[in-house]
Protein backbone atom coordinates (compact mmCIF):
# COMPACT_ATOMS: atom_id res chain seq x y z
CA UNK A 1 0.12 -0.09 0.05
CA UNK A 2 1.18 3.38 -0.93
CA UNK A 3 2.38 5.81 1.48
CA UNK A 4 1.07 9.49 2.26
CA UNK A 5 3.29 11.83 0.81
CA UNK A 6 4.53 14.73 3.24
CA UNK A 7 4.30 18.62 2.45
CA UNK A 8 1.07 19.12 0.26
CA UNK A 9 3.05 19.73 -2.43
CA UNK A 10 1.18 21.55 -5.74
CA UNK A 11 2.04 21.03 -9.30
CA UNK A 12 1.81 23.69 -12.07
CA UNK A 13 1.43 22.62 -15.48
CA UNK A 14 0.23 19.05 -16.65
CA UNK A 15 -0.70 17.66 -19.84
CA UNK A 16 -2.83 14.54 -18.56
CA UNK A 17 -5.38 13.20 -20.94
CA UNK A 18 -5.37 9.63 -19.96
CA UNK A 19 -3.24 10.10 -16.78
CA UNK A 20 -3.63 7.61 -13.42
CA UNK A 21 -3.62 8.79 -9.92
CA UNK A 22 -3.80 6.25 -6.94
CA UNK A 23 -4.96 6.80 -3.44
CA UNK A 24 -4.35 4.42 -0.67
CA UNK A 25 -7.31 4.44 2.66
CA UNK A 26 -6.71 1.87 5.52
CA UNK A 27 -10.22 2.81 6.83
CA UNK A 28 -13.82 3.89 5.50
CA UNK A 29 -13.40 7.21 7.72
CA UNK A 30 -10.11 7.83 6.28
CA UNK A 31 -9.09 10.20 3.27
CA UNK A 32 -5.43 10.15 1.16
CA UNK A 33 -3.82 13.01 -0.49
CA UNK A 34 -1.48 12.10 -3.62
CA UNK A 35 0.58 15.12 -4.46
CA UNK A 36 0.67 15.75 -8.24
CA UNK A 37 4.53 15.43 -8.52
CA UNK A 38 4.55 11.64 -6.50
CA UNK A 39 3.32 9.78 -9.57
CA UNK A 40 4.57 6.15 -10.21
CA UNK A 41 3.77 6.57 -13.90
CA UNK A 42 3.22 9.12 -16.51
CA UNK A 43 3.23 10.32 -20.24
CA UNK A 44 4.28 13.52 -21.21
CA UNK A 45 4.04 14.70 -24.78
CA UNK A 46 7.45 16.64 -24.58
CA UNK A 47 11.04 15.93 -23.22
CA UNK A 48 12.61 17.39 -20.39
CA UNK A 49 11.02 19.07 -17.16
CA UNK A 50 10.17 22.60 -18.36
CA UNK A 51 9.51 23.45 -14.62
CA UNK A 52 13.20 22.27 -13.18
CA UNK A 53 12.14 21.22 -10.39
CA UNK A 54 11.91 18.07 -7.69
CA UNK A 55 12.12 15.18 -10.65
CA UNK A 56 14.70 14.46 -13.92
CA UNK A 57 11.97 13.12 -15.87
CA UNK A 58 9.62 14.44 -18.72
CA UNK A 59 6.50 15.69 -16.46
CA UNK A 60 6.88 19.38 -16.08
CA UNK A 61 7.16 20.55 -12.33
CA UNK A 62 7.48 23.98 -10.60
CA UNK A 63 7.39 25.58 -7.19
CA UNK A 64 3.83 26.67 -6.25
CA UNK A 65 2.55 29.65 -4.04
CA UNK A 66 -0.62 27.74 -3.16
CA UNK A 67 -1.40 27.59 0.45
CA UNK A 68 1.16 24.72 1.84
CA UNK A 69 3.54 25.49 -0.51
CA UNK A 70 5.55 22.81 -2.45
CA UNK A 71 5.47 21.92 -5.97
CA UNK A 72 2.60 21.68 -8.77
CA UNK A 73 2.69 19.75 -12.13
CA UNK A 74 2.36 22.12 -14.98
CA UNK A 75 2.67 22.74 -18.62
CA UNK A 76 -0.15 20.19 -19.28
CA UNK A 77 -1.34 19.50 -22.96
CA UNK A 78 -4.31 17.62 -23.67
CA UNK A 79 -3.43 13.65 -23.67
CA UNK A 80 -0.78 13.81 -20.99
CA UNK A 81 -1.61 11.52 -17.84
CA UNK A 82 -0.55 10.48 -14.57
CA UNK A 83 -0.74 7.59 -12.25
CA UNK A 84 -0.47 7.38 -8.46
CA UNK A 85 -0.09 3.55 -7.26
CA UNK A 86 -1.97 1.30 -4.78
CA UNK A 87 -5.04 3.26 -3.72
CA UNK A 88 -6.80 0.58 -1.33
CA UNK A 89 -10.61 1.16 -0.95
CA UNK A 90 -11.25 -1.13 1.95
CA UNK A 91 -15.00 -0.85 1.71
CA UNK A 92 -17.45 -0.23 -1.38
CA UNK A 93 -19.50 2.92 -0.76
CA UNK A 94 -19.24 6.38 -1.30
CA UNK A 95 -16.50 8.51 -1.83
CA UNK A 96 -15.46 11.97 -2.65
CA UNK A 97 -12.50 12.86 -5.10
CA UNK A 98 -11.11 16.35 -4.81
CA UNK A 99 -8.27 18.13 -7.05
CA UNK A 100 -6.56 21.08 -6.56
CA UNK A 101 -6.19 22.77 -9.75
CA UNK A 102 -5.26 26.05 -11.76
CA UNK A 103 -6.36 27.53 -14.80
CA UNK A 104 -6.29 31.11 -16.59
CA UNK A 105 -9.14 30.05 -18.80
CA UNK A 106 -10.41 26.60 -17.95
CA UNK A 107 -9.85 23.11 -19.01
CA UNK A 108 -11.04 19.42 -18.27
CA UNK A 109 -9.26 16.57 -16.88
CA UNK A 110 -10.65 12.76 -16.23
CA UNK A 111 -10.05 10.50 -13.37
CA UNK A 112 -10.02 6.56 -13.89
CA UNK A 113 -8.69 3.45 -12.03
CA UNK A 114 -6.70 0.69 -13.58
CA UNK A 115 -5.59 2.45 -16.69
CA UNK A 116 -9.06 3.41 -17.53
CA UNK A 117 -10.68 0.40 -17.03
CA UNK A 118 -13.17 1.79 -14.79
CA UNK A 119 -13.99 5.73 -15.13
CA UNK A 120 -14.41 7.85 -12.33
CA UNK A 121 -15.60 10.89 -14.82
CA UNK A 122 -14.87 14.82 -16.09
CA UNK A 123 -13.33 17.15 -13.64
CA UNK A 124 -14.45 20.39 -15.07
CA UNK A 125 -11.84 23.00 -14.38
CA UNK A 126 -13.32 26.60 -13.99
CA UNK A 127 -11.06 29.87 -15.51
CA UNK A 128 -9.39 30.77 -12.25
CA UNK A 129 -7.73 33.88 -13.35
CA UNK A 130 -3.96 32.49 -13.22
CA UNK A 131 -1.64 29.83 -13.25
CA UNK A 132 -1.26 30.17 -9.47
CA UNK A 133 -4.71 30.93 -8.79
CA UNK A 134 -5.97 27.71 -6.87
CA UNK A 135 -9.43 26.24 -6.51
CA UNK A 136 -10.59 22.51 -5.65
CA UNK A 137 -12.98 20.80 -7.82
CA UNK A 138 -15.15 17.56 -6.72
CA UNK A 139 -16.87 14.49 -7.44
CA UNK A 140 -18.83 12.18 -5.47
CA UNK A 141 -19.25 8.68 -6.71
CA UNK A 142 -19.54 5.04 -5.37
CA UNK A 143 -16.49 3.03 -5.75
CA UNK A 144 -16.19 -0.65 -5.07
CA UNK A 145 -13.49 -2.38 -2.55
CA UNK A 146 -10.43 -3.10 -3.92
CA UNK A 147 -7.10 -1.98 -4.48
CA UNK A 148 -6.25 0.16 -7.49
CA UNK A 149 -4.15 2.51 -9.83
CA UNK A 150 -5.55 6.13 -9.43
CA UNK A 151 -4.97 7.88 -12.52
CA UNK A 152 -5.31 11.94 -13.81
CA UNK A 153 -5.90 12.23 -17.34
CA UNK A 154 -5.81 15.84 -19.22
CA UNK A 155 -8.70 15.99 -21.93
CA UNK A 156 -7.55 19.37 -22.61
CA UNK A 157 -4.33 21.56 -22.19
CA UNK A 158 -3.90 24.83 -19.98
CA UNK A 159 -3.90 24.00 -16.55
CA UNK A 160 -1.68 23.55 -13.68
CA UNK A 161 -2.13 20.49 -11.02
CA UNK A 162 -1.61 20.48 -7.12
CA UNK A 163 -3.13 17.29 -5.55
CA UNK A 164 -5.74 14.73 -5.47
CA UNK A 165 -7.71 13.48 -2.87
CA UNK A 166 -9.83 10.39 -2.34
CA UNK A 167 -12.09 10.46 1.09
CA UNK A 168 -14.90 7.81 2.08
CA UNK A 169 -18.34 9.91 2.41
CA UNK A 170 -20.60 8.87 5.68
CA UNK A 171 -20.52 5.07 6.88
CA UNK A 172 -19.75 5.94 10.49
CA UNK A 173 -16.88 7.86 9.46
CA UNK A 174 -17.83 10.92 11.50
CA UNK A 175 -15.96 11.42 15.05
CA UNK A 176 -15.80 13.92 17.67
CA UNK A 177 -12.92 14.43 20.09
CA UNK A 178 -11.40 17.47 22.41
CA UNK A 179 -11.31 18.90 19.05
CA UNK A 180 -13.91 18.49 16.69
CA UNK A 181 -13.35 19.98 12.85
CA UNK A 182 -16.37 20.64 10.76
CA UNK A 183 -16.74 20.82 7.06
CA UNK A 184 -19.03 23.71 6.93
CA UNK A 185 -19.70 27.22 9.00
CA UNK A 186 -22.42 26.49 11.82
CA UNK A 187 -20.89 22.86 12.31
CA UNK A 188 -22.24 21.44 9.01
CA UNK A 189 -20.58 18.66 6.58
CA UNK A 190 -18.36 15.94 8.00
CA UNK A 191 -16.78 15.96 11.17
CA UNK A 192 -13.83 14.49 12.52
CA UNK A 193 -12.37 14.36 16.31
CA UNK A 194 -8.99 15.17 17.39
CA UNK A 195 -7.81 14.54 20.94
CA UNK A 196 -4.44 16.13 22.30
CA UNK A 197 -1.68 15.55 20.18
CA UNK A 198 0.23 17.09 16.64
CA UNK A 199 -1.45 16.16 13.58
CA UNK A 200 0.63 16.84 10.52
CA UNK A 201 -1.07 16.92 6.95
CA UNK A 202 -0.92 13.50 6.37
CA UNK A 203 -1.95 12.24 9.69
CA UNK A 204 -5.08 14.41 9.65
CA UNK A 205 -6.31 13.51 6.32
CA UNK A 206 -5.69 10.03 7.15
CA UNK A 207 -7.63 10.82 10.14
CA UNK A 208 -10.59 11.64 7.97
CA UNK A 209 -10.40 15.48 7.71
CA UNK A 210 -9.75 16.95 4.20
CA UNK A 211 -6.79 19.17 3.13
CA UNK A 212 -8.00 23.42 3.20
CA UNK A 213 -11.73 22.25 4.32
CA UNK A 214 -12.28 22.81 7.65
CA UNK A 215 -14.60 25.56 8.63
CA UNK A 216 -15.78 25.77 12.22
CA UNK A 217 -14.74 24.21 15.26
CA UNK A 218 -15.79 22.91 19.01
CA UNK A 219 -12.74 22.70 21.28
CA UNK A 220 -14.01 21.02 24.99
CA UNK A 221 -13.24 23.41 27.95
CA UNK A 222 -9.29 23.86 29.17
CA UNK A 223 -7.88 22.61 25.56
CA UNK A 224 -6.82 24.88 22.62
CA UNK A 225 -6.43 23.98 18.99
CA UNK A 226 -3.49 25.48 17.01
CA UNK A 227 -4.49 25.27 12.99
CA UNK A 228 -1.65 26.06 10.62
CA UNK A 229 -1.75 27.31 7.09
CA UNK A 230 0.65 24.68 6.17
CA UNK A 231 1.10 20.75 5.98
CA UNK A 232 4.19 20.89 8.95
CA UNK A 233 3.12 23.34 11.69
CA UNK A 234 4.15 26.16 9.41
CA UNK A 235 2.71 29.38 8.39
CA UNK A 236 0.17 31.64 9.32
CA UNK A 237 -1.89 29.64 12.09
CA UNK A 238 -4.85 30.68 14.75
CA UNK A 239 -5.19 29.59 18.16
CA UNK A 240 -8.89 28.53 18.98
CA UNK A 241 -10.33 27.94 22.10
CA UNK A 242 -14.16 27.19 22.92
CA UNK A 243 -16.86 26.95 19.80
CA UNK A 244 -16.35 29.04 16.65
CA UNK A 245 -19.23 29.05 14.08
CA UNK A 246 -17.27 30.08 11.60
CA UNK A 247 -13.39 30.53 10.86
CA UNK A 248 -14.19 34.07 9.52
CA UNK A 249 -10.33 34.46 8.39
CA UNK A 250 -9.08 30.95 8.47
CA UNK A 251 -11.96 29.14 6.62
CA UNK A 252 -10.62 26.52 4.46
CA UNK A 253 -7.19 26.48 5.35
CA UNK A 254 -6.26 24.31 8.06
CA UNK A 255 -3.30 21.77 6.99
CA UNK A 256 -1.94 20.65 10.06
CA UNK A 257 -3.36 20.84 13.48
CA UNK A 258 -1.87 20.77 17.39
CA UNK A 259 -4.47 20.37 20.28
CA UNK A 260 -3.63 20.76 23.78
CA UNK A 261 -4.29 21.90 27.00
CA UNK A 262 -5.03 25.66 27.75
CA UNK A 263 -1.72 26.90 29.55
CA UNK A 264 -3.39 30.41 30.69
CA UNK A 265 -4.29 29.36 33.92
CA UNK A 266 -3.47 32.63 36.08
CA UNK A 267 -5.58 35.22 37.37
CA UNK A 268 -6.58 38.40 35.69
CA UNK A 269 -5.43 39.49 32.05
CA UNK A 270 -3.49 36.08 32.16
CA UNK A 271 -6.42 34.21 32.44
CA UNK A 272 -7.78 36.03 29.00
CA UNK A 273 -4.15 36.07 27.04
CA UNK A 274 -1.57 33.66 27.55
CA UNK A 275 1.92 34.30 27.15
CA UNK A 276 1.82 32.00 23.83
CA UNK A 277 -1.04 33.62 22.33
CA UNK A 278 0.90 37.29 23.02
CA UNK A 279 4.05 36.05 20.97
CA UNK A 280 2.06 35.06 18.54
CA UNK A 281 0.39 38.19 18.31
CA UNK A 282 3.80 40.18 18.17
CA UNK A 283 6.35 37.88 16.98
CA UNK A 284 8.72 40.81 15.80
CA UNK A 285 8.42 43.12 19.04
CA UNK A 286 10.80 44.83 20.79
CA UNK A 287 11.98 42.89 23.68
CA UNK A 288 11.05 46.18 25.96
CA UNK A 289 7.36 45.20 25.60
CA UNK A 290 7.13 42.20 28.00
CA UNK A 291 4.50 40.23 28.59
CA UNK A 292 5.29 40.21 32.15
CA UNK A 293 4.94 44.12 32.36
CA UNK A 294 1.49 43.46 30.83
CA UNK A 295 0.02 41.61 33.13
CA UNK A 296 1.68 43.71 36.15
CA UNK A 297 0.34 46.35 34.56
CA UNK A 298 -3.23 45.10 34.09
CA UNK A 299 -3.31 44.70 37.95
CA UNK A 300 -3.82 48.60 38.18
CA UNK A 301 -7.22 48.32 36.69
CA UNK A 302 -8.97 44.94 37.30
CA UNK A 303 -11.66 45.82 34.97
CA UNK A 304 -9.46 45.81 31.85
CA UNK A 305 -10.18 42.60 29.92
CA UNK A 306 -11.94 41.98 32.85
CA UNK A 307 -15.66 42.60 32.58
CA UNK A 308 -18.17 40.57 31.14
CA UNK A 309 -18.13 36.47 30.23
CA UNK A 310 -14.90 35.24 28.66
CA UNK A 311 -15.76 36.31 25.15
CA UNK A 312 -16.44 39.69 26.12
CA UNK A 313 -12.72 39.67 28.11
CA UNK A 314 -11.39 38.22 25.10
CA UNK A 315 -12.86 40.77 22.68
CA UNK A 316 -11.60 43.87 24.91
CA UNK A 317 -8.03 42.79 24.88
CA UNK A 318 -8.06 41.96 21.44
CA UNK A 319 -9.01 45.49 20.67
CA UNK A 320 -6.74 47.22 23.06
CA UNK A 321 -3.69 45.22 21.63
CA UNK A 322 -5.07 45.73 18.12
CA UNK A 323 -4.63 49.34 18.71
CA UNK A 324 -1.40 49.38 20.77
CA UNK A 325 0.29 46.99 17.76
CA UNK A 326 -0.94 50.26 15.31
CA UNK A 327 -0.06 52.70 17.25
CA UNK A 328 3.89 51.27 17.56
CA UNK A 329 3.89 49.39 14.40
CA UNK A 330 3.57 46.02 16.05
CA UNK A 331 5.26 46.78 19.31
CA UNK A 332 8.22 47.70 17.52
CA UNK A 333 8.26 51.32 18.44
CA UNK A 334 9.06 52.39 22.23
CA UNK A 335 9.36 56.40 21.57
CA UNK A 336 7.99 58.33 18.58
CA UNK A 337 10.29 58.47 15.90
CA UNK A 338 10.03 62.70 15.60
CA UNK A 339 10.78 63.39 19.24
CA UNK A 340 9.36 66.87 19.64
CA UNK A 341 8.97 68.89 22.93
CA UNK A 342 5.24 68.72 23.08
CA UNK A 343 4.58 71.28 25.66
CA UNK A 344 1.80 73.25 26.13
CA UNK A 345 -0.73 75.38 28.58
CA UNK A 346 -3.23 72.75 29.57
CA UNK A 347 -6.45 73.63 30.26
CA UNK A 348 -5.05 77.42 28.99
CA UNK A 349 -3.26 77.82 32.14
CA UNK A 350 0.25 77.70 32.43
CA UNK A 351 0.00 76.57 36.04
CA UNK A 352 -1.87 73.24 35.73
CA UNK A 353 1.03 71.18 34.15
CA UNK A 354 4.21 73.47 33.65
CA UNK A 355 6.70 71.67 31.78
CA UNK A 356 9.66 70.46 33.68
CA UNK A 357 12.94 72.02 32.57
CA UNK A 358 14.85 70.40 29.75
CA UNK A 359 11.88 67.66 29.58
CA UNK A 360 9.96 66.81 26.35
CA UNK A 361 6.75 65.01 26.30
CA UNK A 362 6.61 63.13 22.58
CA UNK A 363 5.16 60.21 22.53
CA UNK A 364 6.38 57.35 24.22
CA UNK A 365 4.82 53.77 25.23
CA UNK A 366 2.25 51.22 23.71
CA UNK A 367 -0.50 54.49 23.17
CA UNK A 368 2.27 56.89 22.53
CA UNK A 369 1.55 59.01 25.28
CA UNK A 370 1.98 62.81 24.54
CA UNK A 371 1.94 65.92 25.70
CA UNK A 372 2.78 67.30 29.10
CA UNK A 373 -1.05 67.54 30.25
CA UNK A 374 -1.11 63.50 29.66
CA UNK A 375 1.65 62.90 31.11
CA UNK A 376 0.60 64.84 34.33
CA UNK A 377 -2.67 63.10 34.27
CA UNK A 378 -1.38 59.35 33.80
CA UNK A 379 1.18 60.33 36.73
CA UNK A 380 -1.58 61.43 38.89
CA UNK A 381 -3.72 58.14 38.20
CA UNK A 382 -0.47 56.04 38.69
CA UNK A 383 1.13 57.42 41.38
CA UNK A 384 4.21 58.82 39.60
CA UNK A 385 5.60 62.29 38.84
CA UNK A 386 5.85 61.61 35.03
CA UNK A 387 5.83 65.67 34.32
CA UNK A 388 9.45 65.11 36.04
CA UNK A 389 10.47 62.17 34.70
CA UNK A 390 8.69 61.61 31.21
CA UNK A 391 11.54 59.15 30.27
CA UNK A 392 10.45 56.36 32.84
CA UNK A 393 7.57 55.62 30.41
CA UNK A 394 10.21 54.54 27.84
CA UNK A 395 12.73 52.92 30.48
CA UNK A 396 10.05 51.00 32.64
CA UNK A 397 8.00 48.52 30.55
CA UNK A 398 5.35 48.11 33.46
CA UNK A 399 5.04 51.77 33.43
CA UNK A 400 4.71 51.95 29.37
CA UNK A 401 1.93 49.36 29.56
CA UNK A 402 0.31 51.24 32.36
CA UNK A 403 -0.02 54.67 30.78
CA UNK A 404 -1.68 52.64 27.62
CA UNK A 405 -4.22 50.81 29.86
CA UNK A 406 -4.52 54.11 31.94
CA UNK A 407 -6.05 55.96 28.56
CA UNK A 408 -7.80 52.83 27.40
CA UNK A 409 -9.84 53.01 30.95
CA UNK A 410 -10.31 56.48 31.53
CA UNK A 411 -9.95 59.00 28.72
CA UNK A 412 -12.53 59.94 26.52
CA UNK A 413 -9.85 61.34 23.58
CA UNK A 414 -11.59 62.29 20.62
CA UNK A 415 -14.41 60.02 20.92
CA UNK A 416 -17.40 60.17 23.48
CA UNK A 417 -16.22 57.66 26.32
CA UNK A 418 -13.31 55.75 27.06
CA UNK A 419 -12.36 52.51 24.65
CA UNK A 420 -13.21 50.22 27.58
CA UNK A 421 -16.64 51.77 27.70
CA UNK A 422 -17.38 51.36 23.94
CA UNK A 423 -16.09 47.77 24.03
CA UNK A 424 -18.10 46.57 27.65
CA UNK A 425 -20.94 48.41 26.18
CA UNK A 426 -21.39 46.50 22.89
CA UNK A 427 -20.48 49.96 20.90
CA UNK A 428 -17.91 47.95 19.02
CA UNK A 429 -14.38 48.26 17.81
CA UNK A 430 -15.07 51.17 15.55
CA UNK A 431 -15.41 53.49 18.54
CA UNK A 432 -12.23 52.55 20.37
CA UNK A 433 -10.58 53.73 17.13
CA UNK A 434 -12.20 56.85 17.47
CA UNK A 435 -11.53 57.78 21.03
CA UNK A 436 -7.89 57.39 19.92
CA UNK A 437 -7.76 59.53 16.74
CA UNK A 438 -11.00 60.57 16.41
CA UNK A 439 -11.93 62.43 12.65
CA UNK A 440 -8.16 61.82 11.80
CA UNK A 441 -9.12 58.34 10.65
CA UNK A 442 -12.86 58.14 11.39
CA UNK A 443 -15.53 59.50 9.10
CA UNK A 444 -13.63 59.17 6.03
CA UNK A 445 -10.29 60.69 7.51
CA UNK A 446 -8.34 57.87 6.15
CA UNK A 447 -9.94 54.65 5.69
CA UNK A 448 -7.00 52.78 5.34
CA UNK A 449 -6.00 53.20 8.96
CA UNK A 450 -9.02 52.32 9.96
CA UNK A 451 -8.57 48.82 7.99
CA UNK A 452 -5.10 48.44 9.17
CA UNK A 453 -6.56 48.22 12.99
CA UNK A 454 -9.80 45.95 12.00
CA UNK A 455 -7.02 43.68 10.45
CA UNK A 456 -5.22 43.37 13.30
CA UNK A 457 -8.25 43.26 15.54
CA UNK A 458 -9.62 40.29 13.37
CA UNK A 459 -6.03 38.42 13.60
CA UNK A 460 -6.12 39.01 17.30
CA UNK A 461 -9.72 37.82 17.70
CA UNK A 462 -8.98 34.66 15.62
CA UNK A 463 -5.52 33.64 17.98
CA UNK A 464 -7.71 34.15 21.02
CA UNK A 465 -10.97 32.13 19.74
CA UNK A 466 -13.76 34.50 19.66
CA UNK A 467 -15.54 36.66 17.36
CA UNK A 468 -15.77 40.42 17.12
CA UNK A 469 -19.52 40.68 18.27
CA UNK A 470 -21.77 43.55 18.50
CA UNK A 471 -21.17 46.95 17.76
CA UNK A 472 -19.33 48.33 14.32
CA UNK A 473 -15.88 47.50 13.32
CA UNK A 474 -15.07 50.86 11.67
CA UNK A 475 -15.95 54.56 12.33
């Protein structure tokens, strides 16, 4: 029986009329993926490997930009074919065949068993708009138990081929576990269960899940699932806990999975965002911005990411961190690039918060605290003399985080209420943007900047395994 090939590799231009592809299943609930370049026999109309990748025979292979990376077969001409040996069908019944393909203007392929003696039908390949614009085409049919060679045949030219999959339908194959992954949003279609452990692309599909075909999940209390874009736990990923009815930013992208106990067993903010999730949010951050400093600072304001149910707490944490990320380029900048003096009469009264001699009050910390009056107000709330020592915000990580949380919790800024109140009151993420930058971004002031903040917010929501909730995303 054929082993599963690693890598979910893809192929770019294959001429395959009459090509054979073979898939091996060990039980009715399993699925098998053959990478296009892992054929056991072939017919190609031209000499040499035009793409120059992976193998040195006549099949044209190149690197692919499809999710998961690897290779694809390309330069496909009519009547070319590929064969994949050792497909074992353990039980007669209904199976789905899925092919990953790309074509600028459309094409037709067919799939068969045992050199064409059993025809499995034509696959209409739509115009995807480019050689590396990928889609998955499917056919559901009945296959008798037995061992076969699986063939892919190019009936027309002009398409690329990445992988082919055979998966059993029904027959009691659906299972549940600590993680239950579903084919469709709202828990529809096939579903497969996973308990604690790591499941690369081959193992995941062998257990009956399909590559790039998970749309909703349920995760048992006390556990979390890490979903990866690539077969080998690489590429983009999201951490999901609880139930997620639709993976809005990770729909049909999962190629490998890790299921593990949740490690954020602390209290307060640490029970909402753990250090692993924080590191995932800010992979390139300045080392000044420590997780420990954030957790310590959050204790100054226990209601910060501490109000409502767990989903509400996660939403506020994601909203605050998304805005802090935007203000600092992903927690890269500790101080403002243009370090002006930012000294002025506060409340039109020079005696309210006079600037200390030689001190400048340019932006510092996650919220880029600016102007002498804000340094005075934050310092008074935190019990620190930030008027006399504004550099403390860029020298002490906990103080830096405290100033950002102080603004988030207490200041209305350019908006109608503090950002915290907007999140816990259900006004939505967009109102937190208004509090921070008002008409500079909102009401059409700078839509690109608003969208940038929204993108970060949605990314962080996915990492925390929750959704945006009520209110407007934009402003």
